[in-house]
Amino acid sequence: MRVGDNVLISPDVTHKSDWQIATVIEVEENPFVGTVISARTEDGEIFFDKAYLFKPAN
């Protein structure tokens, strides 16, 4: 995933009932947990977590 990509964010991150669509705003290689993705939803909320909790939006 790269900055600008559209992604779906797991409910485990957002605490909402469904996967949420968002745009990647940062990709970080964290030496302790691996790749961390930060993404902003259409309503302006920002979520970040490990990359496996995000999937590409088609």
N, C-alpha and C. Protein backbone atom coordinates (compact mmCIF):
# COMPACT_ATOMS: atom_id res chain seq x y z
N MET A 1 0.83 -1.18 0.00
CA MET A 1 0.00 0.00 0.00
C MET A 1 0.88 1.25 0.00
N ARG A 2 0.36 2.26 -0.67
CA ARG A 2 1.09 3.52 -0.77
C ARG A 2 0.19 4.68 -0.40
N VAL A 3 0.80 5.81 -0.09
CA VAL A 3 0.04 7.03 0.22
C VAL A 3 -0.86 7.34 -0.97
N GLY A 4 -2.13 7.64 -0.68
CA GLY A 4 -3.11 7.95 -1.71
C GLY A 4 -3.98 6.78 -2.10
N ASP A 5 -3.59 5.55 -1.74
CA ASP A 5 -4.41 4.37 -2.05
C ASP A 5 -5.69 4.37 -1.22
N ASN A 6 -6.78 3.87 -1.80
CA ASN A 6 -8.01 3.67 -1.05
C ASN A 6 -7.95 2.30 -0.40
N VAL A 7 -8.34 2.24 0.87
CA VAL A 7 -8.30 1.00 1.64
C VAL A 7 -9.60 0.83 2.43
N LEU A 8 -9.80 -0.38 2.88
CA LEU A 8 -10.86 -0.68 3.83
C LEU A 8 -10.20 -0.95 5.17
N ILE A 9 -10.76 -0.39 6.23
CA ILE A 9 -10.19 -0.54 7.57
C ILE A 9 -11.06 -1.49 8.37
N SER A 10 -10.43 -2.45 9.01
CA SER A 10 -11.11 -3.47 9.80
C SER A 10 -11.92 -2.85 10.94
N PRO A 11 -13.07 -3.46 11.26
CA PRO A 11 -13.84 -3.03 12.43
C PRO A 11 -13.05 -3.18 13.74
N ASP A 12 -12.02 -4.03 13.75
CA ASP A 12 -11.17 -4.16 14.94
C ASP A 12 -10.45 -2.85 15.25
N VAL A 13 -10.23 -2.03 14.24
CA VAL A 13 -9.55 -0.75 14.40
C VAL A 13 -10.57 0.36 14.68
N THR A 14 -11.65 0.39 13.91
CA THR A 14 -12.61 1.51 13.97
C THR A 14 -13.68 1.33 15.04
N HIS A 15 -13.90 0.10 15.47
CA HIS A 15 -14.97 -0.23 16.42
C HIS A 15 -16.36 0.07 15.86
N LYS A 16 -16.48 0.01 14.53
CA LYS A 16 -17.77 0.17 13.86
C LYS A 16 -18.20 -1.19 13.35
N SER A 17 -19.43 -1.30 12.85
CA SER A 17 -19.97 -2.61 12.47
C SER A 17 -19.42 -3.16 11.16
N ASP A 18 -19.00 -2.29 10.24
CA ASP A 18 -18.50 -2.73 8.94
C ASP A 18 -17.11 -2.16 8.67
N TRP A 19 -16.46 -2.71 7.65
CA TRP A 19 -15.19 -2.18 7.18
C TRP A 19 -15.44 -0.77 6.66
N GLN A 20 -14.56 0.17 6.97
CA GLN A 20 -14.70 1.57 6.58
C GLN A 20 -13.73 1.91 5.46
N ILE A 21 -14.19 2.67 4.46
CA ILE A 21 -13.32 3.08 3.37
C ILE A 21 -12.54 4.33 3.80
N ALA A 22 -11.27 4.38 3.39
CA ALA A 22 -10.41 5.50 3.76
C ALA A 22 -9.29 5.63 2.74
N THR A 23 -8.51 6.71 2.88
CA THR A 23 -7.36 6.96 2.02
C THR A 23 -6.09 6.93 2.86
N VAL A 24 -5.10 6.20 2.40
CA VAL A 24 -3.83 6.09 3.11
C VAL A 24 -3.14 7.46 3.13
N ILE A 25 -2.74 7.90 4.33
CA ILE A 25 -2.02 9.18 4.45
C ILE A 25 -0.57 8.98 4.88
N GLU A 26 -0.24 7.78 5.40
CA GLU A 26 1.15 7.50 5.80
C GLU A 26 1.37 6.00 5.88
N VAL A 27 2.56 5.58 5.48
CA VAL A 27 2.99 4.20 5.61
C VAL A 27 4.32 4.25 6.36
N GLU A 28 4.38 3.57 7.50
CA GLU A 28 5.58 3.61 8.35
C GLU A 28 6.11 2.20 8.56
N GLU A 29 7.40 2.05 8.44
CA GLU A 29 8.05 0.78 8.76
C GLU A 29 8.52 0.87 10.21
N ASN A 30 7.76 0.27 11.12
CA ASN A 30 8.06 0.31 12.54
C ASN A 30 8.93 -0.90 12.89
N PRO A 31 10.09 -0.68 13.51
CA PRO A 31 10.99 -1.81 13.79
C PRO A 31 10.43 -2.81 14.81
N PHE A 32 9.41 -2.43 15.55
CA PHE A 32 8.86 -3.31 16.59
C PHE A 32 7.64 -4.10 16.12
N VAL A 33 6.78 -3.49 15.30
CA VAL A 33 5.54 -4.16 14.90
C VAL A 33 5.41 -4.36 13.40
N GLY A 34 6.35 -3.89 12.61
CA GLY A 34 6.27 -4.03 11.16
C GLY A 34 5.63 -2.80 10.53
N THR A 35 4.95 -3.01 9.42
CA THR A 35 4.36 -1.90 8.68
C THR A 35 3.11 -1.39 9.39
N VAL A 36 3.05 -0.07 9.56
CA VAL A 36 1.90 0.59 10.18
C VAL A 36 1.29 1.53 9.14
N ILE A 37 -0.01 1.42 8.95
CA ILE A 37 -0.75 2.24 7.99
C ILE A 37 -1.58 3.27 8.75
N SER A 38 -1.56 4.51 8.28
CA SER A 38 -2.44 5.56 8.78
C SER A 38 -3.36 5.95 7.63
N ALA A 39 -4.66 6.05 7.91
CA ALA A 39 -5.63 6.36 6.86
C ALA A 39 -6.71 7.28 7.40
N ARG A 40 -7.21 8.15 6.50
CA ARG A 40 -8.27 9.12 6.86
C ARG A 40 -9.56 8.73 6.14
N THR A 41 -10.65 8.66 6.90
CA THR A 41 -11.96 8.37 6.32
C THR A 41 -12.53 9.64 5.69
N GLU A 42 -13.63 9.50 4.96
CA GLU A 42 -14.26 10.64 4.31
C GLU A 42 -14.75 11.69 5.30
N ASP A 43 -15.10 11.26 6.52
CA ASP A 43 -15.57 12.23 7.51
C ASP A 43 -14.44 12.80 8.36
N GLY A 44 -13.18 12.52 7.98
CA GLY A 44 -12.03 13.14 8.62
C GLY A 44 -11.39 12.38 9.76
N GLU A 45 -11.95 11.23 10.13
CA GLU A 45 -11.35 10.44 11.20
C GLU A 45 -10.07 9.78 10.70
N ILE A 46 -9.05 9.73 11.54
CA ILE A 46 -7.79 9.10 11.19
C ILE A 46 -7.60 7.87 12.06
N PHE A 47 -7.27 6.75 11.40
CA PHE A 47 -7.02 5.50 12.09
C PHE A 47 -5.66 4.98 11.67
N PHE A 48 -4.97 4.31 12.60
CA PHE A 48 -3.69 3.70 12.26
C PHE A 48 -3.54 2.41 13.03
N ASP A 49 -2.89 1.45 12.38
CA ASP A 49 -2.64 0.14 13.01
C ASP A 49 -1.77 -0.68 12.07
N LYS A 50 -1.54 -1.92 12.44
CA LYS A 50 -0.71 -2.83 11.65
C LYS A 50 -1.36 -3.06 10.27
N ALA A 51 -0.53 -3.27 9.27
CA ALA A 51 -0.99 -3.36 7.88
C ALA A 51 -2.01 -4.47 7.65
N TYR A 52 -1.95 -5.57 8.40
CA TYR A 52 -2.88 -6.67 8.15
C TYR A 52 -4.33 -6.31 8.47
N LEU A 53 -4.56 -5.19 9.15
CA LEU A 53 -5.92 -4.76 9.49
C LEU A 53 -6.52 -3.83 8.42
N PHE A 54 -5.80 -3.66 7.32
CA PHE A 54 -6.25 -2.86 6.19
C PHE A 54 -6.23 -3.75 4.95
N LYS A 55 -7.16 -3.50 4.02
CA LYS A 55 -7.12 -4.23 2.76
C LYS A 55 -7.47 -3.26 1.64
N PRO A 56 -6.94 -3.52 0.44
CA PRO A 56 -7.20 -2.61 -0.69
C PRO A 56 -8.69 -2.53 -0.99
N ALA A 57 -9.15 -1.32 -1.29
CA ALA A 57 -10.55 -1.13 -1.72
C ALA A 57 -10.58 -1.20 -3.23
N ASN A 58 -11.45 -2.01 -3.77
CA ASN A 58 -11.50 -2.17 -5.22
C ASN A 58 -12.46 -1.23 -5.85
